[in-house]
Amino acid sequence: MSEIHAAVGIGLLAANALAAGWGAVAWARKDPSVVFWPLLRLAQAFVVVQAILGLLLLAQGNRPHDDLHVLYGIAPLVVSLVSEGMRVGVAQRELEGIEDVEALDRRERVAVARRVALGEMGIMTVGTLLIVTLALRAYQTGG
């Protein structure tokens, strides 16, 4: 099972790097990307599967060479959850001071929605970049 754990780890790195790169380019261009979200969800799925595999290996008595590996292995899951929580706050901040969204004309509603999408994408992109960093460190400490 450790070979599967290693292979999924490579997939985790690749999927998160792709999502981070795509999100960073789209965010820099101020162009909300529809493609980013499926890439992000795929990257998050790799994080969940990798954490489960790692915990199963620990339960079977397989210990990594460095105990920090477990911390670096679980941290991406925490980062993903915290990023999702922060993402919720973007819409709340953008809608502060707007009494009635329906009262806005179409152009203003589109502008608000665009700001929300870009803000959410920015937060999730930073999260995926952090996950790539943590996953690289997990790889280094895995032995």
C-alpha atoms as a PDB file:
ATOM      1  CA  MET A   1       0.000   0.000   0.000  1.00  0.00           C
ATOM      2  CA  SER A   2       2.951   2.349   0.490  1.00  0.00           C
ATOM      3  CA  GLU A   3       3.505   2.313  -3.298  1.00  0.00           C
ATOM      4  CA  ILE A   4      -0.077   3.487  -3.782  1.00  0.00           C
ATOM      5  CA  HIS A   5       0.474   6.159  -1.133  1.00  0.00           C
ATOM      6  CA  ALA A   6       3.562   7.345  -3.021  1.00  0.00           C
ATOM      7  CA  ALA A   7       1.739   7.368  -6.378  1.00  0.00           C
ATOM      8  CA  VAL A   8      -1.233   9.278  -4.969  1.00  0.00           C
ATOM      9  CA  GLY A   9       1.267  11.712  -3.422  1.00  0.00           C
ATOM     10  CA  ILE A  10       2.680  12.439  -6.867  1.00  0.00           C
ATOM     11  CA  GLY A  11      -0.868  12.914  -8.156  1.00  0.00           C
ATOM     12  CA  LEU A  12      -1.560  15.260  -5.234  1.00  0.00           C
ATOM     13  CA  LEU A  13       1.482  17.353  -6.114  1.00  0.00           C
ATOM     14  CA  ALA A  14       0.618  17.461  -9.809  1.00  0.00           C
ATOM     15  CA  ALA A  15      -3.085  18.227  -9.330  1.00  0.00           C
ATOM     16  CA  ASN A  16      -2.456  20.969  -6.769  1.00  0.00           C
ATOM     17  CA  ALA A  17       0.356  22.497  -8.825  1.00  0.00           C
ATOM     18  CA  LEU A  18      -1.910  22.551 -11.887  1.00  0.00           C
ATOM     19  CA  ALA A  19      -4.800  24.113  -9.940  1.00  0.00           C
ATOM     20  CA  ALA A  20      -2.456  26.648  -8.337  1.00  0.00           C
ATOM     21  CA  GLY A  21      -0.880  27.600 -11.665  1.00  0.00           C
ATOM     22  CA  TRP A  22      -4.212  27.863 -13.439  1.00  0.00           C
ATOM     23  CA  GLY A  23      -5.709  29.891 -10.598  1.00  0.00           C
ATOM     24  CA  ALA A  24      -2.711  32.212 -10.344  1.00  0.00           C
ATOM     25  CA  VAL A  25      -2.728  33.001 -14.061  1.00  0.00           C
ATOM     26  CA  ALA A  26      -6.508  33.529 -14.136  1.00  0.00           C
ATOM     27  CA  TRP A  27      -6.388  35.687 -10.993  1.00  0.00           C
ATOM     28  CA  ALA A  28      -3.508  37.787 -12.361  1.00  0.00           C
ATOM     29  CA  ARG A  29      -5.485  38.330 -15.568  1.00  0.00           C
ATOM     30  CA  LYS A  30      -8.569  39.185 -13.478  1.00  0.00           C
ATOM     31  CA  ASP A  31     -10.413  36.548 -15.476  1.00  0.00           C
ATOM     32  CA  PRO A  32     -12.625  34.257 -13.353  1.00  0.00           C
ATOM     33  CA  SER A  33     -11.949  30.761 -14.648  1.00  0.00           C
ATOM     34  CA  VAL A  34     -14.633  28.112 -14.893  1.00  0.00           C
ATOM     35  CA  VAL A  35     -11.936  25.459 -15.438  1.00  0.00           C
ATOM     36  CA  PHE A  36     -10.231  26.295 -12.129  1.00  0.00           C
ATOM     37  CA  TRP A  37     -13.013  24.842  -9.979  1.00  0.00           C
ATOM     38  CA  PRO A  38     -12.974  21.259 -11.332  1.00  0.00           C
ATOM     39  CA  LEU A  39      -9.160  21.322 -11.146  1.00  0.00           C
ATOM     40  CA  LEU A  40      -9.399  22.494  -7.543  1.00  0.00           C
ATOM     41  CA  ARG A  41     -11.917  19.776  -6.611  1.00  0.00           C
ATOM     42  CA  LEU A  42      -9.692  17.120  -8.202  1.00  0.00           C
ATOM     43  CA  ALA A  43      -6.721  18.450  -6.223  1.00  0.00           C
ATOM     44  CA  GLN A  44      -8.790  18.395  -3.016  1.00  0.00           C
ATOM     45  CA  ALA A  45      -9.867  14.808  -3.725  1.00  0.00           C
ATOM     46  CA  PHE A  46      -6.197  13.822  -3.940  1.00  0.00           C
ATOM     47  CA  VAL A  47      -5.608  15.493  -0.562  1.00  0.00           C
ATOM     48  CA  VAL A  48      -8.421  13.517   1.073  1.00  0.00           C
ATOM     49  CA  VAL A  49      -7.414  10.179  -0.484  1.00  0.00           C
ATOM     50  CA  GLN A  50      -3.757  10.725   0.443  1.00  0.00           C
ATOM     51  CA  ALA A  51      -4.622  11.530   4.059  1.00  0.00           C
ATOM     52  CA  ILE A  52      -6.808   8.416   4.313  1.00  0.00           C
ATOM     53  CA  LEU A  53      -4.086   6.216   2.815  1.00  0.00           C
ATOM     54  CA  GLY A  54      -1.515   7.688   5.178  1.00  0.00           C
ATOM     55  CA  LEU A  55      -3.715   7.076   8.191  1.00  0.00           C
ATOM     56  CA  LEU A  56      -4.359   3.490   7.038  1.00  0.00           C
ATOM     57  CA  LEU A  57      -0.619   2.932   6.752  1.00  0.00           C
ATOM     58  CA  LEU A  58      -0.138   4.283  10.270  1.00  0.00           C
ATOM     59  CA  ALA A  59      -2.920   2.021  11.550  1.00  0.00           C
ATOM     60  CA  GLN A  60      -1.110  -0.946   9.990  1.00  0.00           C
ATOM     61  CA  GLY A  61       2.015  -0.037  11.934  1.00  0.00           C
ATOM     62  CA  ASN A  62       3.969   1.503   9.055  1.00  0.00           C
ATOM     63  CA  ARG A  63       5.911   4.412  10.524  1.00  0.00           C
ATOM     64  CA  PRO A  64       7.587   7.033   8.329  1.00  0.00           C
ATOM     65  CA  HIS A  65      11.322   7.655   8.770  1.00  0.00           C
ATOM     66  CA  ASP A  66      10.545  11.107  10.142  1.00  0.00           C
ATOM     67  CA  ASP A  67       7.566  11.787  12.427  1.00  0.00           C
ATOM     68  CA  LEU A  68       7.185  15.208  10.782  1.00  0.00           C
ATOM     69  CA  HIS A  69       5.915  13.335   7.723  1.00  0.00           C
ATOM     70  CA  VAL A  70       2.591  12.743   9.485  1.00  0.00           C
ATOM     71  CA  LEU A  71       2.252  16.441  10.306  1.00  0.00           C
ATOM     72  CA  TYR A  72       3.096  17.457   6.735  1.00  0.00           C
ATOM     73  CA  GLY A  73       0.703  14.793   5.479  1.00  0.00           C
ATOM     74  CA  ILE A  74      -2.305  15.970   7.513  1.00  0.00           C
ATOM     75  CA  ALA A  75      -1.622  19.715   7.152  1.00  0.00           C
ATOM     76  CA  PRO A  76      -2.871  19.891   3.511  1.00  0.00           C
ATOM     77  CA  LEU A  77      -6.252  18.603   4.653  1.00  0.00           C
ATOM     78  CA  VAL A  78      -6.406  21.339   7.292  1.00  0.00           C
ATOM     79  CA  VAL A  79      -5.300  23.978   4.760  1.00  0.00           C
ATOM     80  CA  SER A  80      -8.003  22.853   2.354  1.00  0.00           C
ATOM     81  CA  LEU A  81     -10.699  23.107   5.020  1.00  0.00           C
ATOM     82  CA  VAL A  82      -9.493  26.498   6.268  1.00  0.00           C
ATOM     83  CA  SER A  83      -9.308  27.822   2.693  1.00  0.00           C
ATOM     84  CA  GLU A  84     -12.900  26.738   2.081  1.00  0.00           C
ATOM     85  CA  GLY A  85     -13.954  28.531   5.265  1.00  0.00           C
ATOM     86  CA  MET A  86     -12.168  31.693   4.212  1.00  0.00           C
ATOM     87  CA  ARG A  87     -13.768  31.494   0.773  1.00  0.00           C
ATOM     88  CA  VAL A  88     -17.201  31.875   2.349  1.00  0.00           C
ATOM     89  CA  GLY A  89     -16.147  35.213   3.812  1.00  0.00           C
ATOM     90  CA  VAL A  90     -15.400  36.722   0.393  1.00  0.00           C
ATOM     91  CA  ALA A  91     -19.053  36.997  -0.592  1.00  0.00           C
ATOM     92  CA  GLN A  92     -19.958  38.343   2.832  1.00  0.00           C
ATOM     93  CA  ARG A  93     -17.342  41.105   2.525  1.00  0.00           C
ATOM     94  CA  GLU A  94     -18.407  42.004  -1.021  1.00  0.00           C
ATOM     95  CA  LEU A  95     -22.062  42.201  -0.035  1.00  0.00           C
ATOM     96  CA  GLU A  96     -21.479  44.380   3.040  1.00  0.00           C
ATOM     97  CA  GLY A  97     -23.267  47.651   2.620  1.00  0.00           C
ATOM     98  CA  ILE A  98     -25.503  46.377  -0.160  1.00  0.00           C
ATOM     99  CA  GLU A  99     -29.029  46.463   1.189  1.00  0.00           C
ATOM    100  CA  ASP A 100     -30.761  44.667  -1.669  1.00  0.00           C
ATOM    101  CA  VAL A 101     -28.808  42.801  -4.325  1.00  0.00           C
ATOM    102  CA  GLU A 102     -31.937  42.542  -6.467  1.00  0.00           C
ATOM    103  CA  ALA A 103     -32.161  46.348  -6.488  1.00  0.00           C
ATOM    104  CA  LEU A 104     -28.808  46.573  -8.285  1.00  0.00           C
ATOM    105  CA  ASP A 105     -28.906  46.806 -12.041  1.00  0.00           C
ATOM    106  CA  ARG A 106     -27.584  43.884 -14.045  1.00  0.00           C
ATOM    107  CA  ARG A 107     -24.182  45.464 -14.677  1.00  0.00           C
ATOM    108  CA  GLU A 108     -23.631  46.089 -10.952  1.00  0.00           C
ATOM    109  CA  ARG A 109     -24.711  42.531 -10.032  1.00  0.00           C
ATOM    110  CA  VAL A 110     -22.292  41.107 -12.598  1.00  0.00           C
ATOM    111  CA  ALA A 111     -19.491  43.289 -11.201  1.00  0.00           C
ATOM    112  CA  VAL A 112     -20.182  42.067  -7.640  1.00  0.00           C
ATOM    113  CA  ALA A 113     -20.329  38.432  -8.792  1.00  0.00           C
ATOM    114  CA  ARG A 114     -17.040  38.871 -10.669  1.00  0.00           C
ATOM    115  CA  ARG A 115     -15.334  40.324  -7.581  1.00  0.00           C
ATOM    116  CA  VAL A 116     -16.640  37.438  -5.470  1.00  0.00           C
ATOM    117  CA  ALA A 117     -15.445  34.829  -7.999  1.00  0.00           C
ATOM    118  CA  LEU A 118     -11.989  36.414  -8.258  1.00  0.00           C
ATOM    119  CA  GLY A 119     -11.667  36.708  -4.484  1.00  0.00           C
ATOM    120  CA  GLU A 120     -12.691  33.099  -3.941  1.00  0.00           C
ATOM    121  CA  MET A 121     -10.335  31.923  -6.661  1.00  0.00           C
ATOM    122  CA  GLY A 122      -7.490  33.938  -5.130  1.00  0.00           C
ATOM    123  CA  ILE A 123      -7.972  32.407  -1.691  1.00  0.00           C
ATOM    124  CA  MET A 124      -8.206  28.878  -3.043  1.00  0.00           C
ATOM    125  CA  THR A 125      -5.140  29.437  -5.235  1.00  0.00           C
ATOM    126  CA  VAL A 126      -3.088  30.490  -2.220  1.00  0.00           C
ATOM    127  CA  GLY A 127      -4.371  27.396  -0.419  1.00  0.00           C
ATOM    128  CA  THR A 128      -3.265  25.110  -3.251  1.00  0.00           C
ATOM    129  CA  LEU A 129       0.159  26.769  -3.330  1.00  0.00           C
ATOM    130  CA  LEU A 130       0.514  26.106   0.390  1.00  0.00           C
ATOM    131  CA  ILE A 131      -0.612  22.510  -0.115  1.00  0.00           C
ATOM    132  CA  VAL A 132       2.046  22.022  -2.812  1.00  0.00           C
ATOM    133  CA  THR A 133       4.677  23.321  -0.394  1.00  0.00           C
ATOM    134  CA  LEU A 134       3.477  21.048   2.420  1.00  0.00           C
ATOM    135  CA  ALA A 135       3.247  18.051   0.098  1.00  0.00           C
ATOM    136  CA  LEU A 136       6.804  18.600  -1.112  1.00  0.00           C
ATOM    137  CA  ARG A 137       7.933  18.688   2.508  1.00  0.00           C
ATOM    138  CA  ALA A 138       5.935  15.514   3.239  1.00  0.00           C
ATOM    139  CA  TYR A 139       7.670  13.847   0.308  1.00  0.00           C
ATOM    140  CA  GLN A 140      11.075  14.889   1.656  1.00  0.00           C
ATOM    141  CA  THR A 141      10.342  13.552   5.137  1.00  0.00           C
ATOM    142  CA  GLY A 142       8.679  10.339   3.950  1.00  0.00           C
ATOM    143  CA  GLY A 143      11.905   8.534   3.296  1.00  0.00           C
END
